[in-house]
């Protein structure tokens, strides 16, 4: 069974349309990404690295605060015992 030239032309047309659709999709993604980056650059947001650094510093500060609170309680107990 052989395919006629109409089917071959139709298949080529569909293949070209699919390739063009992929190109349009990539172009839209690029435009959207560029616009989002531009929008984010005007906003006052932090990077993930900055957020994680501050989060880690806050955790260390809480640990130090707990340690100092325990030490104060221990010293107050000793002071009141005298």
C-alpha atoms as a PDB file:
ATOM      1  CA  UNK A   1       0.000   0.000   0.000  1.00  0.00           C
ATOM      2  CA  UNK A   2       1.497   3.309  -1.042  1.00  0.00           C
ATOM      3  CA  UNK A   3       0.613   6.667   0.333  1.00  0.00           C
ATOM      4  CA  UNK A   4      -0.421   9.338  -2.053  1.00  0.00           C
ATOM      5  CA  UNK A   5       1.220  12.714  -2.369  1.00  0.00           C
ATOM      6  CA  UNK A   6      -1.717  14.327  -0.552  1.00  0.00           C
ATOM      7  CA  UNK A   7      -1.062  12.235   2.557  1.00  0.00           C
ATOM      8  CA  UNK A   8       2.664  12.946   2.354  1.00  0.00           C
ATOM      9  CA  UNK A   9       2.012  16.676   2.042  1.00  0.00           C
ATOM     10  CA  UNK A  10      -0.454  16.547   4.934  1.00  0.00           C
ATOM     11  CA  UNK A  11       2.042  14.657   7.107  1.00  0.00           C
ATOM     12  CA  UNK A  12       4.766  17.186   6.270  1.00  0.00           C
ATOM     13  CA  UNK A  13       2.398  20.064   7.050  1.00  0.00           C
ATOM     14  CA  UNK A  14       1.460  18.519  10.418  1.00  0.00           C
ATOM     15  CA  UNK A  15       5.122  17.900  11.252  1.00  0.00           C
ATOM     16  CA  UNK A  16       6.003  21.510  10.401  1.00  0.00           C
ATOM     17  CA  UNK A  17       3.064  22.786  12.473  1.00  0.00           C
ATOM     18  CA  UNK A  18       4.182  20.731  15.470  1.00  0.00           C
ATOM     19  CA  UNK A  19       7.717  22.099  15.166  1.00  0.00           C
ATOM     20  CA  UNK A  20       6.401  25.646  14.920  1.00  0.00           C
ATOM     21  CA  UNK A  21       4.179  25.126  17.973  1.00  0.00           C
ATOM     22  CA  UNK A  22       7.213  23.973  19.961  1.00  0.00           C
ATOM     23  CA  UNK A  23       9.139  27.058  18.881  1.00  0.00           C
ATOM     24  CA  UNK A  24       6.247  29.332  19.868  1.00  0.00           C
ATOM     25  CA  UNK A  25       6.028  27.595  23.258  1.00  0.00           C
ATOM     26  CA  UNK A  26       9.739  28.157  23.903  1.00  0.00           C
ATOM     27  CA  UNK A  27       9.421  31.801  22.871  1.00  0.00           C
ATOM     28  CA  UNK A  28       6.466  32.336  25.224  1.00  0.00           C
ATOM     29  CA  UNK A  29       8.358  30.679  28.079  1.00  0.00           C
ATOM     30  CA  UNK A  30      11.316  32.985  27.453  1.00  0.00           C
ATOM     31  CA  UNK A  31       9.134  36.094  27.434  1.00  0.00           C
ATOM     32  CA  UNK A  32       7.297  35.045  30.609  1.00  0.00           C
ATOM     33  CA  UNK A  33      10.558  34.220  32.390  1.00  0.00           C
ATOM     34  CA  UNK A  34      12.060  37.574  31.383  1.00  0.00           C
ATOM     35  CA  UNK A  35       8.995  39.462  32.587  1.00  0.00           C
ATOM     36  CA  UNK A  36       8.945  37.578  35.909  1.00  0.00           C
ATOM     37  CA  UNK A  37      12.647  38.265  36.459  1.00  0.00           C
ATOM     38  CA  UNK A  38      12.058  41.942  35.721  1.00  0.00           C
ATOM     39  CA  UNK A  39       9.109  42.039  38.139  1.00  0.00           C
ATOM     40  CA  UNK A  40      11.044  40.261  40.889  1.00  0.00           C
ATOM     41  CA  UNK A  41      14.000  42.596  40.471  1.00  0.00           C
ATOM     42  CA  UNK A  42      11.741  45.565  41.297  1.00  0.00           C
ATOM     43  CA  UNK A  43      10.340  43.877  44.412  1.00  0.00           C
ATOM     44  CA  UNK A  44      12.025  43.728  47.784  1.00  0.00           C
ATOM     45  CA  UNK A  45      12.562  39.959  47.950  1.00  0.00           C
ATOM     46  CA  UNK A  46      15.478  37.920  49.225  1.00  0.00           C
ATOM     47  CA  UNK A  47      17.223  35.026  47.591  1.00  0.00           C
ATOM     48  CA  UNK A  48      16.895  31.513  48.959  1.00  0.00           C
ATOM     49  CA  UNK A  49      20.525  31.646  50.109  1.00  0.00           C
ATOM     50  CA  UNK A  50      19.901  34.871  52.064  1.00  0.00           C
ATOM     51  CA  UNK A  51      16.745  33.432  53.606  1.00  0.00           C
ATOM     52  CA  UNK A  52      18.487  30.227  54.666  1.00  0.00           C
ATOM     53  CA  UNK A  53      21.419  32.168  56.146  1.00  0.00           C
ATOM     54  CA  UNK A  54      19.094  34.320  58.255  1.00  0.00           C
ATOM     55  CA  UNK A  55      17.045  31.264  59.249  1.00  0.00           C
ATOM     56  CA  UNK A  56      20.221  29.509  60.442  1.00  0.00           C
ATOM     57  CA  UNK A  57      21.331  32.612  62.358  1.00  0.00           C
ATOM     58  CA  UNK A  58      17.912  32.812  64.059  1.00  0.00           C
ATOM     59  CA  UNK A  59      18.113  29.127  65.044  1.00  0.00           C
ATOM     60  CA  UNK A  60      21.582  29.664  66.554  1.00  0.00           C
ATOM     61  CA  UNK A  61      20.326  32.747  68.413  1.00  0.00           C
ATOM     62  CA  UNK A  62      17.383  30.764  69.840  1.00  0.00           C
ATOM     63  CA  UNK A  63      19.743  28.000  70.984  1.00  0.00           C
ATOM     64  CA  UNK A  64      22.054  30.533  72.614  1.00  0.00           C
ATOM     65  CA  UNK A  65      19.081  32.231  74.276  1.00  0.00           C
ATOM     66  CA  UNK A  66      17.888  28.897  75.691  1.00  0.00           C
ATOM     67  CA  UNK A  67      21.391  28.120  76.949  1.00  0.00           C
ATOM     68  CA  UNK A  68      21.694  31.519  78.622  1.00  0.00           C
ATOM     69  CA  UNK A  69      18.213  31.251  80.162  1.00  0.00           C
ATOM     70  CA  UNK A  70      19.158  27.883  81.675  1.00  0.00           C
ATOM     71  CA  UNK A  71      22.421  29.346  82.983  1.00  0.00           C
ATOM     72  CA  UNK A  72      20.579  32.294  84.558  1.00  0.00           C
ATOM     73  CA  UNK A  73      18.084  29.944  86.205  1.00  0.00           C
ATOM     74  CA  UNK A  74      20.973  27.866  87.573  1.00  0.00           C
ATOM     75  CA  UNK A  75      22.743  30.945  88.960  1.00  0.00           C
ATOM     76  CA  UNK A  76      19.510  32.276  90.503  1.00  0.00           C
ATOM     77  CA  UNK A  77      18.955  28.899  92.168  1.00  0.00           C
ATOM     78  CA  UNK A  78      22.481  28.971  93.615  1.00  0.00           C
ATOM     79  CA  UNK A  79      22.031  32.587  94.744  1.00  0.00           C
ATOM     80  CA  UNK A  80      18.721  31.871  96.465  1.00  0.00           C
ATOM     81  CA  UNK A  81      20.179  28.789  98.184  1.00  0.00           C
ATOM     82  CA  UNK A  82      22.740  30.932 100.024  1.00  0.00           C
END
